[in-house]
Structures are given as structure tokens and as C-alpha cells.
Amino acid sequence: MSTIKIKKGDNVKVITGKDKGKEGKVIAVLDGKVLVEGINMITKHSKASQADPKGGIVHQEAPIDISNVMYVHKGKVTRIGFTTQEGKKGPKKVRIAKSTGEVID
């Protein structure tokens, strides 16, 4: 698998599927999938336990494929590229927004 371009904490926009057009913050990056805050919500039925004596219905985010989201940079979606930048300990790889060429992090 190639380098992961989306990281935890990034703002992304959904480009396909039932939540197309919605934006959110990445909660977690899984194996080829991402969890995005408020996107792809599912309903889970939880059984009563000592930790949750009442049980009931829980709404939570389900993973969405990483290819179905795009990074949002300054309000616009963009692809992400990589370049090397000189650092204190030699060259280091940094992410850049392909539309503007600006360094993301």
C-alpha cells in the first residue's frame, strides 16, 4: 500500500456516497478506511451491561473508504502530494496541497 495521505485531525469532504458534500474532521485512520466525525452514521443496539445498565440504541460513525474523501485546504478540496524539505536533521518528507503548492504540515 502506498503512503497514507490523510491523517487524524485533517478536515475532509466526502466526494461519493450517501453523505456526498458533507465535511468533517478525521477521528481515526484505519486500514484503507477513515472515521469522520458526523459522517456515515449507523445505529447500533447495545445490550445492557454493568458499565451501561440501561443499554439501548447508540448512534456512531462507521468507517468510510479513504478513496471517498478529499482533503480540504483553505475551504477547497485538493489532492495531496509529497516533497522533501530541509530540516535540522537533514531532508524530511512533508505533505503539500497540489492546488496551491503550500506545505500542509
PDB file of N, CA and C in Angstrom:
ATOM      1  N   MET A   1       0.842  -1.185   0.000  1.00  0.00           N
ATOM      2  CA  MET A   1       0.000   0.000   0.000  1.00  0.00           C
ATOM      3  C   MET A   1       0.885   1.246   0.000  1.00  0.00           C
ATOM      4  N   SER A   2       0.436   2.277  -0.700  1.00  0.00           N
ATOM      5  CA  SER A   2       1.225   3.497  -0.790  1.00  0.00           C
ATOM      6  C   SER A   2       1.130   4.311   0.499  1.00  0.00           C
ATOM      7  N   THR A   3       1.821   5.428   0.521  1.00  0.00           N
ATOM      8  CA  THR A   3       1.854   6.298   1.691  1.00  0.00           C
ATOM      9  C   THR A   3       0.455   6.843   1.979  1.00  0.00           C
ATOM     10  N   ILE A   4       0.090   6.838   3.245  1.00  0.00           N
ATOM     11  CA  ILE A   4      -1.202   7.386   3.653  1.00  0.00           C
ATOM     12  C   ILE A   4      -1.135   8.909   3.564  1.00  0.00           C
ATOM     13  N   LYS A   5      -2.079   9.500   2.842  1.00  0.00           N
ATOM     14  CA  LYS A   5      -2.063  10.939   2.632  1.00  0.00           C
ATOM     15  C   LYS A   5      -2.979  11.673   3.593  1.00  0.00           C
ATOM     16  N   ILE A   6      -3.980  10.982   4.133  1.00  0.00           N
ATOM     17  CA  ILE A   6      -4.916  11.581   5.079  1.00  0.00           C
ATOM     18  C   ILE A   6      -4.504  11.161   6.484  1.00  0.00           C
ATOM     19  N   LYS A   7      -4.475  12.121   7.407  1.00  0.00           N
ATOM     20  CA  LYS A   7      -4.075  11.834   8.785  1.00  0.00           C
ATOM     21  C   LYS A   7      -5.190  12.203   9.752  1.00  0.00           C
ATOM     22  N   LYS A   8      -5.066  11.714  10.985  1.00  0.00           N
ATOM     23  CA  LYS A   8      -6.008  12.038  12.050  1.00  0.00           C
ATOM     24  C   LYS A   8      -5.977  13.554  12.277  1.00  0.00           C
ATOM     25  N   GLY A   9      -7.161  14.168  12.388  1.00  0.00           N
ATOM     26  CA  GLY A   9      -7.249  15.607  12.618  1.00  0.00           C
ATOM     27  C   GLY A   9      -7.431  16.430  11.353  1.00  0.00           C
ATOM     28  N   ASP A  10      -7.260  15.831  10.173  1.00  0.00           N
ATOM     29  CA  ASP A  10      -7.455  16.545   8.909  1.00  0.00           C
ATOM     30  C   ASP A  10      -8.929  16.821   8.668  1.00  0.00           C
ATOM     31  N   ASN A  11      -9.232  17.917   8.000  1.00  0.00           N
ATOM     32  CA  ASN A  11     -10.599  18.187   7.555  1.00  0.00           C
ATOM     33  C   ASN A  11     -10.751  17.615   6.162  1.00  0.00           C
ATOM     34  N   VAL A  12     -11.822  16.826   5.960  1.00  0.00           N
ATOM     35  CA  VAL A  12     -12.047  16.186   4.668  1.00  0.00           C
ATOM     36  C   VAL A  12     -13.480  16.412   4.211  1.00  0.00           C
ATOM     37  N   LYS A  13     -13.687  16.250   2.905  1.00  0.00           N
ATOM     38  CA  LYS A  13     -15.021  16.366   2.312  1.00  0.00           C
ATOM     39  C   LYS A  13     -15.326  15.045   1.625  1.00  0.00           C
ATOM     40  N   VAL A  14     -16.559  14.542   1.809  1.00  0.00           N
ATOM     41  CA  VAL A  14     -16.978  13.285   1.187  1.00  0.00           C
ATOM     42  C   VAL A  14     -17.322  13.580  -0.273  1.00  0.00           C
ATOM     43  N   ILE A  15     -16.763  12.788  -1.202  1.00  0.00           N
ATOM     44  CA  ILE A  15     -16.977  13.056  -2.626  1.00  0.00           C
ATOM     45  C   ILE A  15     -17.944  12.069  -3.273  1.00  0.00           C
ATOM     46  N   THR A  16     -18.244  10.941  -2.607  1.00  0.00           N
ATOM     47  CA  THR A  16     -19.228   9.990  -3.140  1.00  0.00           C
ATOM     48  C   THR A  16     -19.995   9.350  -1.998  1.00  0.00           C
ATOM     49  N   GLY A  17     -21.138   8.766  -2.338  1.00  0.00           N
ATOM     50  CA  GLY A  17     -21.924   8.042  -1.344  1.00  0.00           C
ATOM     51  C   GLY A  17     -23.074   8.854  -0.797  1.00  0.00           C
ATOM     52  N   LYS A  18     -23.724   8.293   0.230  1.00  0.00           N
ATOM     53  CA  LYS A  18     -24.937   8.919   0.775  1.00  0.00           C
ATOM     54  C   LYS A  18     -24.659  10.255   1.466  1.00  0.00           C
ATOM     55  N   ASP A  19     -23.438  10.466   1.939  1.00  0.00           N
ATOM     56  CA  ASP A  19     -23.080  11.706   2.629  1.00  0.00           C
ATOM     57  C   ASP A  19     -22.280  12.653   1.744  1.00  0.00           C
ATOM     58  N   LYS A  20     -22.436  12.540   0.418  1.00  0.00           N
ATOM     59  CA  LYS A  20     -21.679  13.355  -0.532  1.00  0.00           C
ATOM     60  C   LYS A  20     -21.869  14.849  -0.245  1.00  0.00           C
ATOM     61  N   GLY A  21     -20.747  15.588  -0.210  1.00  0.00           N
ATOM     62  CA  GLY A  21     -20.789  17.023   0.011  1.00  0.00           C
ATOM     63  C   GLY A  21     -20.589  17.440   1.456  1.00  0.00           C
ATOM     64  N   LYS A  22     -20.683  16.500   2.395  1.00  0.00           N
ATOM     65  CA  LYS A  22     -20.514  16.833   3.811  1.00  0.00           C
ATOM     66  C   LYS A  22     -19.035  16.902   4.161  1.00  0.00           C
ATOM     67  N   GLU A  23     -18.717  17.763   5.125  1.00  0.00           N
ATOM     68  CA  GLU A  23     -17.345  17.900   5.591  1.00  0.00           C
ATOM     69  C   GLU A  23     -17.257  17.509   7.052  1.00  0.00           C
ATOM     70  N   GLY A  24     -16.090  17.020   7.454  1.00  0.00           N
ATOM     71  CA  GLY A  24     -15.881  16.650   8.847  1.00  0.00           C
ATOM     72  C   GLY A  24     -14.411  16.447   9.145  1.00  0.00           C
ATOM     73  N   LYS A  25     -14.122  16.226  10.420  1.00  0.00           N
ATOM     74  CA  LYS A  25     -12.754  16.027  10.889  1.00  0.00           C
ATOM     75  C   LYS A  25     -12.486  14.530  11.031  1.00  0.00           C
ATOM     76  N   VAL A  26     -11.309  14.084  10.616  1.00  0.00           N
ATOM     77  CA  VAL A  26     -10.945  12.677  10.702  1.00  0.00           C
ATOM     78  C   VAL A  26     -10.670  12.318  12.159  1.00  0.00           C
ATOM     79  N   ILE A  27     -11.391  11.303  12.650  1.00  0.00           N
ATOM     80  CA  ILE A  27     -11.222  10.821  14.021  1.00  0.00           C
ATOM     81  C   ILE A  27     -10.118   9.775  14.083  1.00  0.00           C
ATOM     82  N   ALA A  28     -10.112   8.868  13.099  1.00  0.00           N
ATOM     83  CA  ALA A  28      -9.120   7.793  13.076  1.00  0.00           C
ATOM     84  C   ALA A  28      -8.886   7.333  11.652  1.00  0.00           C
ATOM     85  N   VAL A  29      -7.669   6.861  11.380  1.00  0.00           N
ATOM     86  CA  VAL A  29      -7.332   6.279  10.091  1.00  0.00           C
ATOM     87  C   VAL A  29      -7.104   4.795  10.325  1.00  0.00           C
ATOM     88  N   LEU A  30      -7.926   3.977   9.667  1.00  0.00           N
ATOM     89  CA  LEU A  30      -7.824   2.526   9.793  1.00  0.00           C
ATOM     90  C   LEU A  30      -7.170   1.981   8.530  1.00  0.00           C
ATOM     91  N   ASP A  31      -7.227   0.700   8.309  1.00  0.00           N
ATOM     92  CA  ASP A  31      -6.588   0.059   7.161  1.00  0.00           C
ATOM     93  C   ASP A  31      -7.333   0.405   5.871  1.00  0.00           C
ATOM     94  N   GLY A  32      -6.964   1.502   5.206  1.00  0.00           N
ATOM     95  CA  GLY A  32      -7.614   1.905   3.965  1.00  0.00           C
ATOM     96  C   GLY A  32      -8.963   2.576   4.172  1.00  0.00           C
ATOM     97  N   LYS A  33      -9.321   2.833   5.403  1.00  0.00           N
ATOM     98  CA  LYS A  33     -10.595   3.478   5.724  1.00  0.00           C
ATOM     99  C   LYS A  33     -10.371   4.584   6.743  1.00  0.00           C
ATOM    100  N   VAL A  34     -11.323   5.519   6.832  1.00  0.00           N
ATOM    101  CA  VAL A  34     -11.241   6.593   7.813  1.00  0.00           C
ATOM    102  C   VAL A  34     -12.567   6.722   8.552  1.00  0.00           C
ATOM    103  N   LEU A  35     -12.478   7.167   9.804  1.00  0.00           N
ATOM    104  CA  LEU A  35     -13.660   7.519  10.578  1.00  0.00           C
ATOM    105  C   LEU A  35     -13.735   9.035  10.567  1.00  0.00           C
ATOM    106  N   VAL A  36     -14.860   9.581  10.092  1.00  0.00           N
ATOM    107  CA  VAL A  36     -15.018  11.026  10.000  1.00  0.00           C
ATOM    108  C   VAL A  36     -16.169  11.444  10.917  1.00  0.00           C
ATOM    109  N   GLU A  37     -15.916  12.485  11.695  1.00  0.00           N
ATOM    110  CA  GLU A  37     -16.874  12.998  12.674  1.00  0.00           C
ATOM    111  C   GLU A  37     -18.206  13.365  12.011  1.00  0.00           C
ATOM    112  N   GLY A  38     -19.298  12.700  12.422  1.00  0.00           N
ATOM    113  CA  GLY A  38     -20.638  13.017  11.931  1.00  0.00           C
ATOM    114  C   GLY A  38     -20.972  12.490  10.552  1.00  0.00           C
ATOM    115  N   ILE A  39     -20.094  11.689   9.953  1.00  0.00           N
ATOM    116  CA  ILE A  39     -20.308  11.150   8.607  1.00  0.00           C
ATOM    117  C   ILE A  39     -20.511   9.637   8.690  1.00  0.00           C
ATOM    118  N   ASN A  40     -21.399   9.107   7.823  1.00  0.00           N
ATOM    119  CA  ASN A  40     -21.677   7.669   7.749  1.00  0.00           C
ATOM    120  C   ASN A  40     -22.150   7.123   9.101  1.00  0.00           C
ATOM    121  N   MET A  41     -23.130   7.807   9.684  1.00  0.00           N
ATOM    122  CA  MET A  41     -23.657   7.418  10.992  1.00  0.00           C
ATOM    123  C   MET A  41     -24.482   6.137  10.880  1.00  0.00           C
ATOM    124  N   ILE A  42     -24.283   5.237  11.844  1.00  0.00           N
ATOM    125  CA  ILE A  42     -25.046   4.000  11.904  1.00  0.00           C
ATOM    126  C   ILE A  42     -25.715   3.889  13.269  1.00  0.00           C
ATOM    127  N   THR A  43     -26.719   3.022  13.350  1.00  0.00           N
ATOM    128  CA  THR A  43     -27.433   2.774  14.591  1.00  0.00           C
ATOM    129  C   THR A  43     -27.027   1.404  15.101  1.00  0.00           C
ATOM    130  N   LYS A  44     -26.560   1.357  16.340  1.00  0.00           N
ATOM    131  CA  LYS A  44     -26.151   0.093  16.954  1.00  0.00           C
ATOM    132  C   LYS A  44     -27.025  -0.153  18.166  1.00  0.00           C
ATOM    133  N   HIS A  45     -27.405  -1.400  18.365  1.00  0.00           N
ATOM    134  CA  HIS A  45     -28.198  -1.768  19.527  1.00  0.00           C
ATOM    135  C   HIS A  45     -27.249  -2.360  20.555  1.00  0.00           C
ATOM    136  N   SER A  46     -27.157  -1.721  21.725  1.00  0.00           N
ATOM    137  CA  SER A  46     -26.233  -2.217  22.746  1.00  0.00           C
ATOM    138  C   SER A  46     -27.009  -2.930  23.847  1.00  0.00           C
ATOM    139  N   LYS A  47     -26.458  -4.059  24.254  1.00  0.00           N
ATOM    140  CA  LYS A  47     -27.060  -4.872  25.303  1.00  0.00           C
ATOM    141  C   LYS A  47     -26.731  -4.251  26.659  1.00  0.00           C
ATOM    142  N   ALA A  48     -27.607  -4.406  27.619  1.00  0.00           N
ATOM    143  CA  ALA A  48     -27.365  -3.886  28.961  1.00  0.00           C
ATOM    144  C   ALA A  48     -26.181  -4.605  29.587  1.00  0.00           C
ATOM    145  N   SER A  49     -25.321  -3.844  30.260  1.00  0.00           N
ATOM    146  CA  SER A  49     -24.160  -4.418  30.946  1.00  0.00           C
ATOM    147  C   SER A  49     -23.937  -3.639  32.231  1.00  0.00           C
ATOM    148  N   GLN A  50     -22.938  -4.029  32.999  1.00  0.00           N
ATOM    149  CA  GLN A  50     -22.658  -3.292  34.235  1.00  0.00           C
ATOM    150  C   GLN A  50     -22.201  -1.868  33.939  1.00  0.00           C
ATOM    151  N   ALA A  51     -21.438  -1.694  32.890  1.00  0.00           N
ATOM    152  CA  ALA A  51     -20.969  -0.363  32.519  1.00  0.00           C
ATOM    153  C   ALA A  51     -22.131   0.503  32.017  1.00  0.00           C
ATOM    154  N   ASP A  52     -23.047  -0.113  31.272  1.00  0.00           N
ATOM    155  CA  ASP A  52     -24.222   0.592  30.737  1.00  0.00           C
ATOM    156  C   ASP A  52     -25.465  -0.218  31.101  1.00  0.00           C
ATOM    157  N   PRO A  53     -25.999  -0.028  32.317  1.00  0.00           N
ATOM    158  CA  PRO A  53     -27.096  -0.874  32.785  1.00  0.00           C
ATOM    159  C   PRO A  53     -28.392  -0.753  31.978  1.00  0.00           C
ATOM    160  N   LYS A  54     -28.571   0.369  31.301  1.00  0.00           N
ATOM    161  CA  LYS A  54     -29.807   0.563  30.556  1.00  0.00           C
ATOM    162  C   LYS A  54     -29.741  -0.034  29.141  1.00  0.00           C
ATOM    163  N   GLY A  55     -28.553  -0.017  28.521  1.00  0.00           N
ATOM    164  CA  GLY A  55     -28.445  -0.491  27.143  1.00  0.00           C
ATOM    165  C   GLY A  55     -29.120   0.493  26.210  1.00  0.00           C
ATOM    166  N   GLY A  56     -29.605   0.025  25.076  1.00  0.00           N
ATOM    167  CA  GLY A  56     -30.368   0.888  24.169  1.00  0.00           C
ATOM    168  C   GLY A  56     -29.733   1.060  22.812  1.00  0.00           C
ATOM    169  N   ILE A  57     -30.140   2.130  22.134  1.00  0.00           N
ATOM    170  CA  ILE A  57     -29.688   2.398  20.771  1.00  0.00           C
ATOM    171  C   ILE A  57     -28.600   3.460  20.791  1.00  0.00           C
ATOM    172  N   VAL A  58     -27.496   3.173  20.118  1.00  0.00           N
ATOM    173  CA  VAL A  58     -26.347   4.081  20.073  1.00  0.00           C
ATOM    174  C   VAL A  58     -26.099   4.476  18.622  1.00  0.00           C
ATOM    175  N   HIS A  59     -25.895   5.772  18.374  1.00  0.00           N
ATOM    176  CA  HIS A  59     -25.554   6.261  17.036  1.00  0.00           C
ATOM    177  C   HIS A  59     -24.054   6.526  17.013  1.00  0.00           C
ATOM    178  N   GLN A  60     -23.368   5.953  16.022  1.00  0.00           N
ATOM    179  CA  GLN A  60     -21.923   6.150  15.922  1.00  0.00           C
ATOM    180  C   GLN A  60     -21.476   6.154  14.466  1.00  0.00           C
ATOM    181  N   GLU A  61     -20.242   6.642  14.261  1.00  0.00           N
ATOM    182  CA  GLU A  61     -19.674   6.718  12.917  1.00  0.00           C
ATOM    183  C   GLU A  61     -19.172   5.344  12.488  1.00  0.00           C
ATOM    184  N   ALA A  62     -19.376   5.034  11.210  1.00  0.00           N
ATOM    185  CA  ALA A  62     -18.836   3.814  10.629  1.00  0.00           C
ATOM    186  C   ALA A  62     -17.694   4.214   9.690  1.00  0.00           C
ATOM    187  N   PRO A  63     -16.738   3.314   9.458  1.00  0.00           N
ATOM    188  CA  PRO A  63     -15.628   3.654   8.563  1.00  0.00           C
ATOM    189  C   PRO A  63     -16.104   3.905   7.131  1.00  0.00           C
ATOM    190  N   ILE A  64     -15.445   4.829   6.459  1.00  0.00           N
ATOM    191  CA  ILE A  64     -15.716   5.130   5.056  1.00  0.00           C
ATOM    192  C   ILE A  64     -14.396   4.959   4.312  1.00  0.00           C
ATOM    193  N   ASP A  65     -14.451   4.453   3.097  1.00  0.00           N
ATOM    194  CA  ASP A  65     -13.225   4.193   2.339  1.00  0.00           C
ATOM    195  C   ASP A  65     -12.462   5.493   2.110  1.00  0.00           C
ATOM    196  N   ILE A  66     -11.142   5.411   2.224  1.00  0.00           N
ATOM    197  CA  ILE A  66     -10.287   6.601   2.120  1.00  0.00           C
ATOM    198  C   ILE A  66     -10.355   7.236   0.732  1.00  0.00           C
ATOM    199  N   SER A  67     -10.732   6.437  -0.279  1.00  0.00           N
ATOM    200  CA  SER A  67     -10.833   6.970  -1.642  1.00  0.00           C
ATOM    201  C   SER A  67     -12.093   7.808  -1.836  1.00  0.00           C
ATOM    202  N   ASN A  68     -13.017   7.762  -0.888  1.00  0.00           N
ATOM    203  CA  ASN A  68     -14.266   8.512  -0.998  1.00  0.00           C
ATOM    204  C   ASN A  68     -14.217   9.873  -0.307  1.00  0.00           C
ATOM    205  N   VAL A  69     -13.045  10.267   0.193  1.00  0.00           N
ATOM    206  CA  VAL A  69     -12.896  11.570   0.832  1.00  0.00           C
ATOM    207  C   VAL A  69     -11.726  12.326   0.215  1.00  0.00           C
ATOM    208  N   MET A  70     -11.805  13.664   0.257  1.00  0.00           N
ATOM    209  CA  MET A  70     -10.711  14.510  -0.223  1.00  0.00           C
ATOM    210  C   MET A  70     -10.349  15.519   0.845  1.00  0.00           C
ATOM    211  N   TYR A  71      -9.089  15.845   0.915  1.00  0.00           N
ATOM    212  CA  TYR A  71      -8.571  16.803   1.889  1.00  0.00           C
ATOM    213  C   TYR A  71      -9.080  18.204   1.575  1.00  0.00           C
ATOM    214  N   VAL A  72      -9.455  18.962   2.618  1.00  0.00           N
ATOM    215  CA  VAL A  72      -9.916  20.349   2.450  1.00  0.00           C
ATOM    216  C   VAL A  72      -8.817  21.290   2.928  1.00  0.00           C
ATOM    217  N   HIS A  73      -8.353  22.164   2.015  1.00  0.00           N
ATOM    218  CA  HIS A  73      -7.301  23.133   2.333  1.00  0.00           C
ATOM    219  C   HIS A  73      -7.840  24.527   2.043  1.00  0.00           C
ATOM    220  N   LYS A  74      -7.962  25.349   3.087  1.00  0.00           N
ATOM    221  CA  LYS A  74      -8.479  26.723   2.967  1.00  0.00           C
ATOM    222  C   LYS A  74      -9.855  26.758   2.292  1.00  0.00           C
ATOM    223  N   GLY A  75     -10.722  25.821   2.691  1.00  0.00           N
ATOM    224  CA  GLY A  75     -12.097  25.803   2.191  1.00  0.00           C
ATOM    225  C   GLY A  75     -12.310  25.114   0.863  1.00  0.00           C
ATOM    226  N   LYS A  76     -11.244  24.668   0.198  1.00  0.00           N
ATOM    227  CA  LYS A  76     -11.377  23.998  -1.099  1.00  0.00           C
ATOM    228  C   LYS A  76     -10.738  22.616  -1.043  1.00  0.00           C
ATOM    229  N   VAL A  77     -11.329  21.672  -1.781  1.00  0.00           N
ATOM    230  CA  VAL A  77     -10.758  20.325  -1.818  1.00  0.00           C
ATOM    231  C   VAL A  77      -9.520  20.318  -2.701  1.00  0.00           C
ATOM    232  N   THR A  78      -8.563  19.508  -2.325  1.00  0.00           N
ATOM    233  CA  THR A  78      -7.321  19.425  -3.084  1.00  0.00           C
ATOM    234  C   THR A  78      -6.714  18.038  -2.929  1.00  0.00           C
ATOM    235  N   ARG A  79      -5.892  17.683  -3.892  1.00  0.00           N
ATOM    236  CA  ARG A  79      -5.124  16.451  -3.765  1.00  0.00           C
ATOM    237  C   ARG A  79      -3.900  16.744  -2.913  1.00  0.00           C
ATOM    238  N   ILE A  80      -3.297  15.680  -2.394  1.00  0.00           N
ATOM    239  CA  ILE A  80      -2.129  15.847  -1.533  1.00  0.00           C
ATOM    240  C   ILE A  80      -0.921  15.217  -2.218  1.00  0.00           C
ATOM    241  N   GLY A  81       0.186  15.935  -2.190  1.00  0.00           N
ATOM    242  CA  GLY A  81       1.436  15.430  -2.726  1.00  0.00           C
ATOM    243  C   GLY A  81       2.506  15.462  -1.650  1.00  0.00           C
ATOM    244  N   PHE A  82       3.674  14.981  -1.986  1.00  0.00           N
ATOM    245  CA  PHE A  82       4.783  14.971  -1.043  1.00  0.00           C
ATOM    246  C   PHE A  82       5.991  15.629  -1.674  1.00  0.00           C
ATOM    247  N   THR A  83       6.785  16.274  -0.838  1.00  0.00           N
ATOM    248  CA  THR A  83       8.048  16.850  -1.280  1.00  0.00           C
ATOM    249  C   THR A  83       9.021  16.773  -0.106  1.00  0.00           C
ATOM    250  N   THR A  84      10.293  16.953  -0.388  1.00  0.00           N
ATOM    251  CA  THR A  84      11.272  16.959   0.695  1.00  0.00           C
ATOM    252  C   THR A  84      11.613  18.396   1.047  1.00  0.00           C
ATOM    253  N   GLN A  85      11.851  18.589   2.327  1.00  0.00           N
ATOM    254  CA  GLN A  85      12.174  19.923   2.828  1.00  0.00           C
ATOM    255  C   GLN A  85      13.364  19.779   3.771  1.00  0.00           C
ATOM    256  N   GLU A  86      14.254  20.726   3.720  1.00  0.00           N
ATOM    257  CA  GLU A  86      15.443  20.662   4.574  1.00  0.00           C
ATOM    258  C   GLU A  86      15.053  20.947   6.016  1.00  0.00           C
ATOM    259  N   GLY A  87      15.442  20.041   6.929  1.00  0.00           N
ATOM    260  CA  GLY A  87      15.165  20.211   8.350  1.00  0.00           C
ATOM    261  C   GLY A  87      16.456  20.244   9.146  1.00  0.00           C
ATOM    262  N   LYS A  88      16.345  20.241  10.471  1.00  0.00           N
ATOM    263  CA  LYS A  88      17.525  20.275  11.334  1.00  0.00           C
ATOM    264  C   LYS A  88      18.376  19.025  11.191  1.00  0.00           C
ATOM    265  N   LYS A  89      17.714  17.888  10.997  1.00  0.00           N
ATOM    266  CA  LYS A  89      18.433  16.609  10.915  1.00  0.00           C
ATOM    267  C   LYS A  89      18.486  16.095   9.480  1.00  0.00           C
ATOM    268  N   GLY A  90      18.520  16.984   8.508  1.00  0.00           N
ATOM    269  CA  GLY A  90      18.583  16.584   7.110  1.00  0.00           C
ATOM    270  C   GLY A  90      17.224  16.706   6.442  1.00  0.00           C
ATOM    271  N   PRO A  91      17.095  16.192   5.210  1.00  0.00           N
ATOM    272  CA  PRO A  91      15.836  16.334   4.479  1.00  0.00           C
ATOM    273  C   PRO A  91      14.705  15.525   5.123  1.00  0.00           C
ATOM    274  N   LYS A  92      13.498  16.105   5.098  1.00  0.00           N
ATOM    275  CA  LYS A  92      12.352  15.378   5.624  1.00  0.00           C
ATOM    276  C   LYS A  92      11.193  15.506   4.652  1.00  0.00           C
ATOM    277  N   LYS A  93      10.329  14.487   4.647  1.00  0.00           N
ATOM    278  CA  LYS A  93       9.201  14.429   3.729  1.00  0.00           C
ATOM    279  C   LYS A  93       8.018  15.199   4.328  1.00  0.00           C
ATOM    280  N   VAL A  94       7.424  16.109   3.554  1.00  0.00           N
ATOM    281  CA  VAL A  94       6.279  16.886   4.026  1.00  0.00           C
ATOM    282  C   VAL A  94       5.136  16.791   3.018  1.00  0.00           C
ATOM    283  N   ARG A  95       3.909  16.960   3.517  1.00  0.00           N
ATOM    284  CA  ARG A  95       2.733  16.954   2.647  1.00  0.00           C
ATOM    285  C   ARG A  95       2.507  18.354   2.088  1.00  0.00           C
ATOM    286  N   ILE A  96       2.091  18.417   0.823  1.00  0.00           N
ATOM    287  CA  ILE A  96       1.765  19.701   0.201  1.00  0.00           C
ATOM    288  C   ILE A  96       0.397  19.602  -0.465  1.00  0.00           C
ATOM    289  N   ALA A  97      -0.307  20.743  -0.541  1.00  0.00           N
ATOM    290  CA  ALA A  97      -1.566  20.819  -1.277  1.00  0.00           C
ATOM    291  C   ALA A  97      -1.214  21.010  -2.741  1.00  0.00           C
ATOM    292  N   LYS A  98      -1.672  20.103  -3.607  1.00  0.00           N
ATOM    293  CA  LYS A  98      -1.290  20.168  -5.014  1.00  0.00           C
ATOM    294  C   LYS A  98      -1.873  21.381  -5.721  1.00  0.00           C
ATOM    295  N   SER A  99      -3.023  21.885  -5.258  1.00  0.00           N
ATOM    296  CA  SER A  99      -3.645  23.028  -5.933  1.00  0.00           C
ATOM    297  C   SER A  99      -2.862  24.312  -5.726  1.00  0.00           C
ATOM    298  N   THR A 100      -2.262  24.495  -4.530  1.00  0.00           N
ATOM    299  CA  THR A 100      -1.541  25.736  -4.241  1.00  0.00           C
ATOM    300  C   THR A 100      -0.047  25.541  -4.095  1.00  0.00           C
ATOM    301  N   GLY A 101       0.388  24.325  -3.815  1.00  0.00           N
ATOM    302  CA  GLY A 101       1.805  24.062  -3.599  1.00  0.00           C
ATOM    303  C   GLY A 101       2.254  24.387  -2.190  1.00  0.00           C
ATOM    304  N   GLU A 102       1.321  24.763  -1.307  1.00  0.00           N
ATOM    305  CA  GLU A 102       1.659  25.121   0.071  1.00  0.00           C
ATOM    306  C   GLU A 102       1.874  23.875   0.926  1.00  0.00           C
ATOM    307  N   VAL A 103       2.768  24.002   1.901  1.00  0.00           N
ATOM    308  CA  VAL A 103       3.043  22.908   2.838  1.00  0.00           C
ATOM    309  C   VAL A 103       1.895  22.811   3.821  1.00  0.00           C
ATOM    310  N   ILE A 104       1.389  21.589   4.024  1.00  0.00           N
ATOM    311  CA  ILE A 104       0.280  21.371   4.950  1.00  0.00           C
ATOM    312  C   ILE A 104       0.796  21.220   6.373  1.00  0.00           C
ATOM    313  N   ASP A 105       1.801  20.353   6.542  1.00  0.00           N
ATOM    314  CA  ASP A 105       2.359  20.158   7.890  1.00  0.00           C
ATOM    315  C   ASP A 105       3.836  19.839   7.836  1.00  0.00           C
TER     316      ASP A 105
END
